[in-house]
Amino acid sequence: MSGFSIPPSHPRYQSLLKRERIIEGFKKGIVAHAGLIAHGRGEAFDYLIGEKTREFGLKAEKAAVAAIMLAENPVFSVNGNVAALAVDDVISLAEALGMKIEVNLFYRTEDRVRRIADLFRSRGVEVLGENPDARIPGLDHARALCTSEGIFSADVVLVPLEDGDRTKALRDMGKFVVTVDLNPLSRTARTADVTVVDEITRALRNMREIASEMSREEARKILDGYDNGAVLSEAILFIRDYLGRIASQTREW
């Protein structure tokens, strides 16, 4: 962390800590310039759900765990923001569910890939992505690069804080795609098979707890009854009603 000290008594302590992690990640060459903007956009949407995990988020988190648990080759795709915010949570969930971890970046440079891989290695975890030997069809530029043992051959891919084009390209490959995206209106949210509308660290910690309690039989039942469109609709309607309540309270000030 920087020399800036955030008092734990601050009402938005956790949110400010995450902001500092993103800033530190940028200084260390892990987060891209655009990642700063993306984090701010996500933070704004977190305001709109009250900075808490809501029922629609929990439903999706259970479905996400169910899909990963039942997968044959699940892969956790990590970008700079995810690494900066939640490296330890990524490792914990991946180990609990037997997931490979692969670095895949929209703004890819070999230096950034190495720095993110080094962050995981500093915790004793090896990741894929430094030596890509395959490409995701239908994508231009370096974001198509992946590994044959990881994303290319995966049946389920968890792609938090992702861009919509790659989510669609992975779906077109026949993969089951899970994302974490605070914006229920984004292309990513509307394209994925399971969209967790929740903040990334809350989501991953919830999923880790869910994974410790879920059986494979329960996982099958959850997936059979899951409707991502309905869950996204719940999220959008919650935001509408939440803003309405805030507007009513504001008139009383």
Protein backbone atom coordinates (compact mmCIF):
# COMPACT_ATOMS: atom_id res chain seq x y z
CA MET A 1 0.00 0.00 0.00
CA SER A 2 0.96 3.65 -0.44
CA GLY A 3 1.75 5.95 2.45
CA PHE A 4 -1.89 7.04 2.49
CA SER A 5 -3.56 5.74 5.64
CA ILE A 6 -7.27 4.91 5.64
CA PRO A 7 -8.81 4.81 9.13
CA PRO A 8 -10.84 1.62 9.68
CA SER A 9 -13.61 3.80 11.09
CA HIS A 10 -14.21 5.34 7.66
CA PRO A 11 -17.72 4.33 6.46
CA ARG A 12 -16.31 3.24 3.09
CA TYR A 13 -13.13 1.66 4.43
CA GLN A 14 -13.33 -1.53 2.35
CA SER A 15 -14.06 0.34 -0.87
CA LEU A 16 -11.16 2.72 -0.32
CA LEU A 17 -8.83 -0.19 0.44
CA LYS A 18 -9.74 -1.74 -2.92
CA ARG A 19 -9.10 1.58 -4.63
CA GLU A 20 -5.64 1.67 -3.06
CA ARG A 21 -4.96 -1.90 -4.26
CA ILE A 22 -5.80 -0.87 -7.82
CA ILE A 23 -3.51 2.17 -7.57
CA GLU A 24 -0.68 0.02 -6.19
CA GLY A 25 -1.30 -2.53 -8.94
CA PHE A 26 -0.96 0.23 -11.52
CA LYS A 27 2.30 1.44 -9.97
CA LYS A 28 3.66 -2.13 -10.06
CA GLY A 29 2.78 -2.59 -13.73
CA ILE A 30 -0.01 -5.09 -13.09
CA VAL A 31 -3.03 -2.86 -13.82
CA ALA A 32 -3.37 -1.08 -17.18
CA HIS A 33 -4.29 2.61 -17.47
CA ALA A 34 -7.76 1.60 -18.59
CA GLY A 35 -8.07 -0.65 -15.54
CA LEU A 36 -8.27 2.45 -13.34
CA ILE A 37 -11.29 3.65 -15.31
CA ALA A 38 -12.88 0.21 -15.27
CA HIS A 39 -12.55 -0.01 -11.50
CA GLY A 40 -14.22 3.36 -11.05
CA ARG A 41 -17.13 2.27 -13.23
CA GLY A 42 -17.55 -0.89 -11.20
CA GLU A 43 -17.38 1.07 -7.96
CA ALA A 44 -20.22 3.27 -9.21
CA PHE A 45 -22.40 0.24 -9.87
CA ASP A 46 -21.55 -1.15 -6.44
CA TYR A 47 -23.12 2.03 -5.01
CA LEU A 48 -26.30 1.11 -6.89
CA ILE A 49 -26.64 -2.20 -5.04
CA GLY A 50 -25.71 -0.72 -1.69
CA GLU A 51 -22.19 -2.23 -1.62
CA LYS A 52 -23.55 -5.56 -0.41
CA THR A 53 -24.10 -9.01 -1.84
CA ARG A 54 -27.77 -9.19 -2.76
CA GLU A 55 -30.01 -12.22 -3.30
CA PHE A 56 -29.56 -12.11 -7.08
CA GLY A 57 -25.80 -12.15 -6.57
CA LEU A 58 -25.96 -15.09 -4.21
CA LYS A 59 -28.12 -17.07 -6.67
CA ALA A 60 -25.55 -16.54 -9.40
CA GLU A 61 -22.65 -17.35 -7.06
CA LYS A 62 -24.24 -20.71 -6.25
CA ALA A 63 -24.78 -21.42 -9.96
CA ALA A 64 -21.20 -20.40 -10.72
CA VAL A 65 -19.81 -22.79 -8.11
CA ALA A 66 -22.12 -25.54 -9.37
CA ALA A 67 -20.90 -25.14 -12.97
CA ILE A 68 -17.24 -25.13 -11.96
CA MET A 69 -17.68 -28.08 -9.62
CA LEU A 70 -19.20 -30.19 -12.39
CA ALA A 71 -16.64 -29.18 -15.02
CA GLU A 72 -13.90 -31.44 -16.35
CA ASN A 73 -11.36 -28.68 -17.06
CA PRO A 74 -12.39 -25.42 -15.35
CA VAL A 75 -10.09 -22.44 -15.84
CA PHE A 76 -9.94 -19.14 -13.96
CA SER A 77 -9.00 -16.36 -16.41
CA VAL A 78 -7.20 -13.54 -14.60
CA ASN A 79 -6.55 -9.97 -15.73
CA GLY A 80 -4.66 -7.15 -14.04
CA ASN A 81 -7.55 -5.79 -11.98
CA VAL A 82 -8.49 -9.23 -10.68
CA ALA A 83 -4.89 -9.93 -9.71
CA ALA A 84 -4.47 -6.59 -7.95
CA LEU A 85 -7.75 -6.83 -6.05
CA ALA A 86 -8.07 -10.50 -5.25
CA VAL A 87 -4.97 -12.62 -5.85
CA ASP A 88 -5.39 -14.58 -2.62
CA ASP A 89 -9.12 -15.08 -3.18
CA VAL A 90 -8.44 -16.34 -6.70
CA ILE A 91 -5.97 -18.90 -5.35
CA SER A 92 -8.31 -20.01 -2.56
CA LEU A 93 -11.26 -20.60 -4.90
CA ALA A 94 -9.15 -22.22 -7.61
CA GLU A 95 -7.64 -24.67 -5.14
CA ALA A 96 -11.04 -25.48 -3.62
CA LEU A 97 -12.57 -26.27 -7.03
CA GLY A 98 -9.57 -27.71 -8.87
CA MET A 99 -9.26 -24.83 -11.33
CA LYS A 100 -6.27 -23.91 -13.46
CA ILE A 101 -5.39 -20.21 -13.45
CA GLU A 102 -4.45 -18.45 -16.69
CA VAL A 103 -3.41 -14.85 -17.26
CA ASN A 104 -5.27 -13.33 -20.19
CA LEU A 105 -5.18 -9.60 -20.87
CA PHE A 106 -7.04 -7.17 -23.11
CA TYR A 107 -4.12 -4.69 -22.94
CA ARG A 108 -1.49 -7.39 -23.20
CA THR A 109 2.23 -6.83 -22.88
CA GLU A 110 4.68 -9.58 -22.03
CA ASP A 111 5.90 -7.50 -19.10
CA ARG A 112 2.42 -7.24 -17.59
CA VAL A 113 1.80 -10.96 -18.05
CA ARG A 114 5.11 -11.73 -16.31
CA ARG A 115 4.40 -9.35 -13.43
CA ILE A 116 0.99 -10.92 -12.82
CA ALA A 117 2.46 -14.42 -13.03
CA ASP A 118 5.19 -13.36 -10.58
CA LEU A 119 2.52 -12.14 -8.16
CA PHE A 120 1.04 -15.64 -8.10
CA ARG A 121 4.47 -17.28 -7.95
CA SER A 122 5.29 -15.18 -4.90
CA ARG A 123 2.49 -17.14 -3.21
CA GLY A 124 3.78 -20.48 -4.43
CA VAL A 125 1.27 -20.85 -7.28
CA GLU A 126 2.17 -21.40 -10.93
CA VAL A 127 -0.16 -19.98 -13.57
CA LEU A 128 -0.63 -20.40 -17.31
CA GLY A 129 -0.50 -17.65 -19.92
CA GLU A 130 3.14 -16.62 -20.25
CA ASN A 131 3.71 -18.95 -23.21
CA PRO A 132 0.48 -19.02 -25.24
CA ASP A 133 0.27 -21.69 -27.92
CA ALA A 134 -3.35 -21.28 -29.07
CA ARG A 135 -5.82 -18.59 -30.12
CA ILE A 136 -9.48 -17.96 -29.37
CA PRO A 137 -11.22 -17.91 -32.78
CA GLY A 138 -13.02 -14.76 -33.80
CA LEU A 139 -10.86 -12.36 -31.81
CA ASP A 140 -8.30 -9.95 -33.18
CA HIS A 141 -5.17 -8.75 -31.42
CA ALA A 142 -3.30 -10.30 -28.50
CA ARG A 143 -6.42 -10.88 -26.38
CA ALA A 144 -7.02 -13.98 -28.49
CA LEU A 145 -3.84 -15.58 -27.16
CA CYS A 146 -4.31 -18.46 -24.73
CA THR A 147 -2.89 -21.86 -23.84
CA SER A 148 -4.04 -25.20 -25.20
CA GLU A 149 -4.04 -26.83 -21.76
CA GLY A 150 -5.93 -23.92 -20.22
CA ILE A 151 -8.57 -21.67 -21.73
CA PHE A 152 -8.52 -23.25 -25.20
CA SER A 153 -9.47 -26.72 -23.92
CA ALA A 154 -11.54 -25.60 -20.92
CA ASP A 155 -15.20 -26.55 -20.71
CA VAL A 156 -15.98 -23.89 -18.06
CA VAL A 157 -14.17 -20.55 -17.92
CA LEU A 158 -14.52 -18.01 -15.11
CA VAL A 159 -13.76 -14.58 -16.60
CA PRO A 160 -14.31 -11.81 -14.03
CA LEU A 161 -14.19 -8.14 -15.07
CA GLU A 162 -14.14 -9.20 -18.71
CA ASP A 163 -14.88 -7.63 -22.10
CA GLY A 164 -18.00 -8.72 -23.95
CA ASP A 165 -16.25 -9.71 -27.19
CA ARG A 166 -14.13 -12.37 -25.52
CA THR A 167 -17.09 -13.67 -23.55
CA LYS A 168 -19.00 -14.10 -26.80
CA ALA A 169 -16.01 -15.72 -28.50
CA LEU A 170 -15.69 -18.23 -25.66
CA ARG A 171 -19.42 -18.98 -25.86
CA ASP A 172 -19.05 -19.47 -29.62
CA MET A 173 -16.37 -22.08 -28.87
CA GLY A 174 -18.99 -24.02 -26.90
CA LYS A 175 -17.64 -23.09 -23.49
CA PHE A 176 -19.76 -22.40 -20.41
CA VAL A 177 -18.79 -18.89 -19.32
CA VAL A 178 -19.11 -17.49 -15.81
CA THR A 179 -18.40 -13.83 -15.16
CA VAL A 180 -18.39 -11.40 -12.25
CA ASP A 181 -19.62 -8.00 -13.40
CA LEU A 182 -21.20 -5.26 -11.29
CA ASN A 183 -22.89 -3.81 -14.38
CA PRO A 184 -25.92 -5.97 -15.27
CA LEU A 185 -26.32 -4.00 -18.52
CA SER A 186 -22.88 -4.78 -19.96
CA ARG A 187 -22.34 -7.00 -22.99
CA THR A 188 -20.38 -9.37 -20.79
CA ALA A 189 -23.20 -9.67 -18.27
CA ARG A 190 -25.76 -10.31 -20.99
CA THR A 191 -23.60 -12.79 -22.90
CA ALA A 192 -22.30 -15.06 -20.12
CA ASP A 193 -24.05 -18.26 -19.00
CA VAL A 194 -23.84 -17.14 -15.37
CA THR A 195 -23.39 -13.50 -14.39
CA VAL A 196 -22.54 -12.68 -10.80
CA VAL A 197 -23.58 -9.07 -10.17
CA ASP A 198 -21.39 -8.48 -7.15
CA GLU A 199 -18.03 -6.97 -6.23
CA ILE A 200 -15.17 -9.33 -7.08
CA THR A 201 -13.71 -9.90 -3.60
CA ARG A 202 -17.13 -10.41 -2.03
CA ALA A 203 -18.12 -12.75 -4.84
CA LEU A 204 -15.00 -14.92 -4.66
CA ARG A 205 -15.19 -15.23 -0.87
CA ASN A 206 -18.86 -16.15 -1.05
CA MET A 207 -18.12 -18.71 -3.74
CA ARG A 208 -15.32 -20.22 -1.67
CA GLU A 209 -17.71 -20.68 1.26
CA ILE A 210 -20.42 -22.10 -1.00
CA ALA A 211 -17.90 -24.54 -2.52
CA SER A 212 -17.08 -25.94 0.90
CA GLU A 213 -20.73 -26.88 1.49
CA MET A 214 -22.08 -27.87 -1.93
CA SER A 215 -22.43 -31.48 -3.08
CA ARG A 216 -22.31 -32.55 -6.73
CA GLU A 217 -25.96 -33.60 -6.52
CA GLU A 218 -26.93 -30.17 -5.24
CA ALA A 219 -24.81 -28.57 -7.96
CA ARG A 220 -26.76 -30.39 -10.68
CA LYS A 221 -30.10 -29.27 -9.21
CA ILE A 222 -28.95 -25.66 -8.97
CA LEU A 223 -27.77 -25.55 -12.58
CA ASP A 224 -30.94 -27.23 -13.85
CA GLY A 225 -33.05 -24.51 -12.25
CA TYR A 226 -30.87 -21.51 -13.04
CA ASP A 227 -32.02 -18.76 -15.44
CA ASN A 228 -29.36 -16.08 -16.00
CA GLY A 229 -31.77 -13.72 -17.77
CA ALA A 230 -34.14 -13.84 -14.80
CA VAL A 231 -31.31 -13.17 -12.37
CA LEU A 232 -30.10 -10.19 -14.41
CA SER A 233 -33.64 -8.88 -14.47
CA GLU A 234 -33.75 -9.16 -10.67
CA ALA A 235 -30.54 -7.14 -10.45
CA ILE A 236 -31.84 -4.37 -12.72
CA LEU A 237 -35.18 -4.18 -10.90
CA PHE A 238 -33.38 -4.09 -7.55
CA ILE A 239 -31.31 -1.11 -8.71
CA ARG A 240 -34.45 0.66 -9.92
CA ASP A 241 -36.24 0.13 -6.60
CA TYR A 242 -33.16 0.92 -4.54
CA LEU A 243 -32.73 4.25 -6.33
CA GLY A 244 -36.41 4.95 -5.79
CA ARG A 245 -36.01 4.45 -2.06
CA ILE A 246 -32.94 6.67 -1.97
CA ALA A 247 -34.78 9.35 -3.96
CA SER A 248 -37.67 9.26 -1.45
CA GLN A 249 -35.27 9.61 1.45
CA THR A 250 -33.49 12.48 -0.27
CA ARG A 251 -36.74 14.46 -0.53
CA GLU A 252 -37.05 14.21 3.26
CA TRP A 253 -33.63 15.71 3.95
